[in-house]
Amino acid sequence: MADNMWDYPAESGHQTGTDLTGFKVEASDGSIGKVDKHSEDVGAMYIVVDTGVWIFGKHVLLPVGTISSIDVAERTIHVGRTKEEIKNSPEFDKDKHAGDPGYHEQVGGYYGNPRT
């Protein structure tokens, strides 16, 4: 786990500049969707996952500190959280929450201290 939820863990295999859009996202217990958007802003790196029909088309914001590994060849990202943890994360609204420091603090707190 990253010391800072908004930075990639050293062991994740992340390479700066890699476009993660469209990559499949796998939770520790199964597929959760695909990357709709990602940010490489220093101190605020995240991916937005389109969960499709899994949780009724919800988009979720995951700090990159939740990423355990990235397989560029397979275009797959593995996150060290369960589907239930992700499903119960603070709701993401791209029109309200993108770039909102208060929302980022809420999400960082949620994933930094999982409530299972």
C-alpha atoms as a PDB file:
ATOM      1  CA  MET A   1       0.000   0.000   0.000  1.00  0.00           C
ATOM      2  CA  ALA A   2       1.251   3.480  -0.795  1.00  0.00           C
ATOM      3  CA  ASP A   3       2.068   5.882   2.015  1.00  0.00           C
ATOM      4  CA  ASN A   4       0.100   8.447   0.040  1.00  0.00           C
ATOM      5  CA  MET A   5      -3.142   7.225  -1.573  1.00  0.00           C
ATOM      6  CA  TRP A   6      -2.600   9.653  -4.457  1.00  0.00           C
ATOM      7  CA  ASP A   7       0.761   8.234  -5.590  1.00  0.00           C
ATOM      8  CA  TYR A   8       1.414   4.950  -7.397  1.00  0.00           C
ATOM      9  CA  PRO A   9       2.997   2.251  -5.227  1.00  0.00           C
ATOM     10  CA  ALA A  10       6.564   1.567  -6.398  1.00  0.00           C
ATOM     11  CA  GLU A  11       5.719  -2.108  -6.998  1.00  0.00           C
ATOM     12  CA  SER A  12       2.655  -1.344  -9.199  1.00  0.00           C
ATOM     13  CA  GLY A  13       4.643  -1.294 -12.436  1.00  0.00           C
ATOM     14  CA  HIS A  14       3.231   2.105 -13.421  1.00  0.00           C
ATOM     15  CA  GLN A  15       5.128   3.917 -16.145  1.00  0.00           C
ATOM     16  CA  THR A  16       4.625   7.679 -16.344  1.00  0.00           C
ATOM     17  CA  GLY A  17       2.863   8.678 -19.538  1.00  0.00           C
ATOM     18  CA  THR A  18       1.060   5.352 -20.078  1.00  0.00           C
ATOM     19  CA  ASP A  19      -2.545   5.994 -21.140  1.00  0.00           C
ATOM     20  CA  LEU A  20      -4.641   3.776 -18.878  1.00  0.00           C
ATOM     21  CA  THR A  21      -7.969   4.713 -20.492  1.00  0.00           C
ATOM     22  CA  GLY A  22      -9.873   1.579 -21.486  1.00  0.00           C
ATOM     23  CA  PHE A  23      -7.851  -0.774 -19.262  1.00  0.00           C
ATOM     24  CA  LYS A  24      -9.882  -3.452 -17.466  1.00  0.00           C
ATOM     25  CA  VAL A  25      -9.978  -3.088 -13.691  1.00  0.00           C
ATOM     26  CA  GLU A  26      -9.907  -6.130 -11.417  1.00  0.00           C
ATOM     27  CA  ALA A  27     -10.697  -5.968  -7.709  1.00  0.00           C
ATOM     28  CA  SER A  28      -9.233  -8.617  -5.416  1.00  0.00           C
ATOM     29  CA  ASP A  29     -12.424 -10.661  -5.922  1.00  0.00           C
ATOM     30  CA  GLY A  30     -13.332 -10.025  -9.574  1.00  0.00           C
ATOM     31  CA  SER A  31     -13.830  -7.565 -12.401  1.00  0.00           C
ATOM     32  CA  ILE A  32     -15.287  -4.132 -11.631  1.00  0.00           C
ATOM     33  CA  GLY A  33     -15.181  -2.354 -14.988  1.00  0.00           C
ATOM     34  CA  LYS A  34     -12.808  -0.309 -17.102  1.00  0.00           C
ATOM     35  CA  VAL A  35     -10.901   2.943 -16.787  1.00  0.00           C
ATOM     36  CA  ASP A  36     -12.914   5.880 -18.108  1.00  0.00           C
ATOM     37  CA  LYS A  37     -10.382   8.543 -17.123  1.00  0.00           C
ATOM     38  CA  HIS A  38      -7.108   8.864 -15.277  1.00  0.00           C
ATOM     39  CA  SER A  39      -5.132  11.729 -13.836  1.00  0.00           C
ATOM     40  CA  GLU A  40      -1.387  12.002 -13.366  1.00  0.00           C
ATOM     41  CA  ASP A  41      -1.556  15.318 -11.500  1.00  0.00           C
ATOM     42  CA  VAL A  42       1.172  15.267  -8.859  1.00  0.00           C
ATOM     43  CA  GLY A  43      -0.346  14.612  -5.441  1.00  0.00           C
ATOM     44  CA  ALA A  44      -3.789  13.847  -6.897  1.00  0.00           C
ATOM     45  CA  MET A  45      -3.363  10.807  -9.179  1.00  0.00           C
ATOM     46  CA  TYR A  46      -6.438   8.664  -9.647  1.00  0.00           C
ATOM     47  CA  ILE A  47      -8.433   6.522 -12.050  1.00  0.00           C
ATOM     48  CA  VAL A  48     -12.162   6.809 -12.701  1.00  0.00           C
ATOM     49  CA  VAL A  49     -13.743   3.403 -13.290  1.00  0.00           C
ATOM     50  CA  ASP A  50     -16.932   2.931 -15.301  1.00  0.00           C
ATOM     51  CA  THR A  51     -18.541   0.005 -13.503  1.00  0.00           C
ATOM     52  CA  GLY A  52     -21.037  -0.645 -16.307  1.00  0.00           C
ATOM     53  CA  VAL A  53     -23.986  -2.748 -15.185  1.00  0.00           C
ATOM     54  CA  TRP A  54     -22.161  -4.097 -12.125  1.00  0.00           C
ATOM     55  CA  ILE A  55     -23.432  -1.271  -9.899  1.00  0.00           C
ATOM     56  CA  PHE A  56     -25.854   0.280 -12.353  1.00  0.00           C
ATOM     57  CA  GLY A  57     -23.486   2.381 -14.406  1.00  0.00           C
ATOM     58  CA  LYS A  58     -21.862   4.120 -11.462  1.00  0.00           C
ATOM     59  CA  HIS A  59     -18.476   5.734 -11.880  1.00  0.00           C
ATOM     60  CA  VAL A  60     -16.030   5.388  -9.003  1.00  0.00           C
ATOM     61  CA  LEU A  61     -12.852   7.320  -8.328  1.00  0.00           C
ATOM     62  CA  LEU A  62      -9.956   5.211  -7.080  1.00  0.00           C
ATOM     63  CA  PRO A  63      -6.769   6.808  -5.770  1.00  0.00           C
ATOM     64  CA  VAL A  64      -3.807   5.193  -7.542  1.00  0.00           C
ATOM     65  CA  GLY A  65      -2.516   4.059  -4.149  1.00  0.00           C
ATOM     66  CA  THR A  66      -5.155   1.294  -4.317  1.00  0.00           C
ATOM     67  CA  ILE A  67      -3.475  -0.175  -7.426  1.00  0.00           C
ATOM     68  CA  SER A  68      -1.462  -3.315  -6.737  1.00  0.00           C
ATOM     69  CA  SER A  69      -0.284  -3.953 -10.314  1.00  0.00           C
ATOM     70  CA  ILE A  70      -0.642  -2.808 -13.902  1.00  0.00           C
ATOM     71  CA  ASP A  71      -0.298  -5.294 -16.765  1.00  0.00           C
ATOM     72  CA  VAL A  72       0.249  -3.161 -19.862  1.00  0.00           C
ATOM     73  CA  ALA A  73       0.359  -6.174 -22.222  1.00  0.00           C
ATOM     74  CA  GLU A  74      -3.033  -7.409 -20.968  1.00  0.00           C
ATOM     75  CA  ARG A  75      -4.377  -3.856 -20.497  1.00  0.00           C
ATOM     76  CA  THR A  76      -5.459  -4.760 -16.960  1.00  0.00           C
ATOM     77  CA  ILE A  77      -5.156  -2.953 -13.625  1.00  0.00           C
ATOM     78  CA  HIS A  78      -5.396  -4.901 -10.367  1.00  0.00           C
ATOM     79  CA  VAL A  79      -6.539  -3.041  -7.260  1.00  0.00           C
ATOM     80  CA  GLY A  80      -6.061  -4.251  -3.714  1.00  0.00           C
ATOM     81  CA  ARG A  81      -9.664  -3.732  -2.670  1.00  0.00           C
ATOM     82  CA  THR A  82     -12.780  -5.915  -2.797  1.00  0.00           C
ATOM     83  CA  LYS A  83     -15.780  -5.231  -4.990  1.00  0.00           C
ATOM     84  CA  GLU A  84     -17.796  -4.494  -1.833  1.00  0.00           C
ATOM     85  CA  GLU A  85     -15.273  -1.879  -0.634  1.00  0.00           C
ATOM     86  CA  ILE A  86     -15.346  -0.190  -4.034  1.00  0.00           C
ATOM     87  CA  LYS A  87     -19.144  -0.359  -4.261  1.00  0.00           C
ATOM     88  CA  ASN A  88     -19.442   1.356  -0.857  1.00  0.00           C
ATOM     89  CA  SER A  89     -16.919   4.111  -1.649  1.00  0.00           C
ATOM     90  CA  PRO A  90     -17.994   7.774  -1.653  1.00  0.00           C
ATOM     91  CA  GLU A  91     -20.159   8.435  -4.712  1.00  0.00           C
ATOM     92  CA  PHE A  92     -18.350  10.116  -7.616  1.00  0.00           C
ATOM     93  CA  ASP A  93     -20.001  12.830  -9.729  1.00  0.00           C
ATOM     94  CA  LYS A  94     -17.640  14.035 -12.464  1.00  0.00           C
ATOM     95  CA  ASP A  95     -19.380  17.423 -12.623  1.00  0.00           C
ATOM     96  CA  LYS A  96     -19.008  18.074  -8.892  1.00  0.00           C
ATOM     97  CA  HIS A  97     -16.043  16.056  -7.641  1.00  0.00           C
ATOM     98  CA  ALA A  98     -13.258  16.253 -10.242  1.00  0.00           C
ATOM     99  CA  GLY A  99     -10.599  18.499  -8.735  1.00  0.00           C
ATOM    100  CA  ASP A 100     -12.538  19.001  -5.472  1.00  0.00           C
ATOM    101  CA  PRO A 101      -9.989  18.818  -2.599  1.00  0.00           C
ATOM    102  CA  GLY A 102     -12.713  18.034  -0.037  1.00  0.00           C
ATOM    103  CA  TYR A 103     -13.935  15.067  -2.067  1.00  0.00           C
ATOM    104  CA  HIS A 104     -10.360  13.848  -2.573  1.00  0.00           C
ATOM    105  CA  GLU A 105      -9.807  14.049   1.189  1.00  0.00           C
ATOM    106  CA  GLN A 106     -13.000  12.020   1.779  1.00  0.00           C
ATOM    107  CA  VAL A 107     -11.976   9.345  -0.756  1.00  0.00           C
ATOM    108  CA  GLY A 108      -8.385   9.234   0.496  1.00  0.00           C
ATOM    109  CA  GLY A 109      -9.652   8.748   4.047  1.00  0.00           C
ATOM    110  CA  TYR A 110     -12.018   5.990   2.941  1.00  0.00           C
ATOM    111  CA  TYR A 111      -9.359   3.999   1.104  1.00  0.00           C
ATOM    112  CA  GLY A 112      -6.620   4.814   3.585  1.00  0.00           C
ATOM    113  CA  ASN A 113      -8.751   3.375   6.373  1.00  0.00           C
ATOM    114  CA  PRO A 114     -10.953   0.680   4.779  1.00  0.00           C
ATOM    115  CA  ARG A 115     -14.310   0.188   6.494  1.00  0.00           C
ATOM    116  CA  THR A 116     -15.172  -3.420   5.874  1.00  0.00           C
END
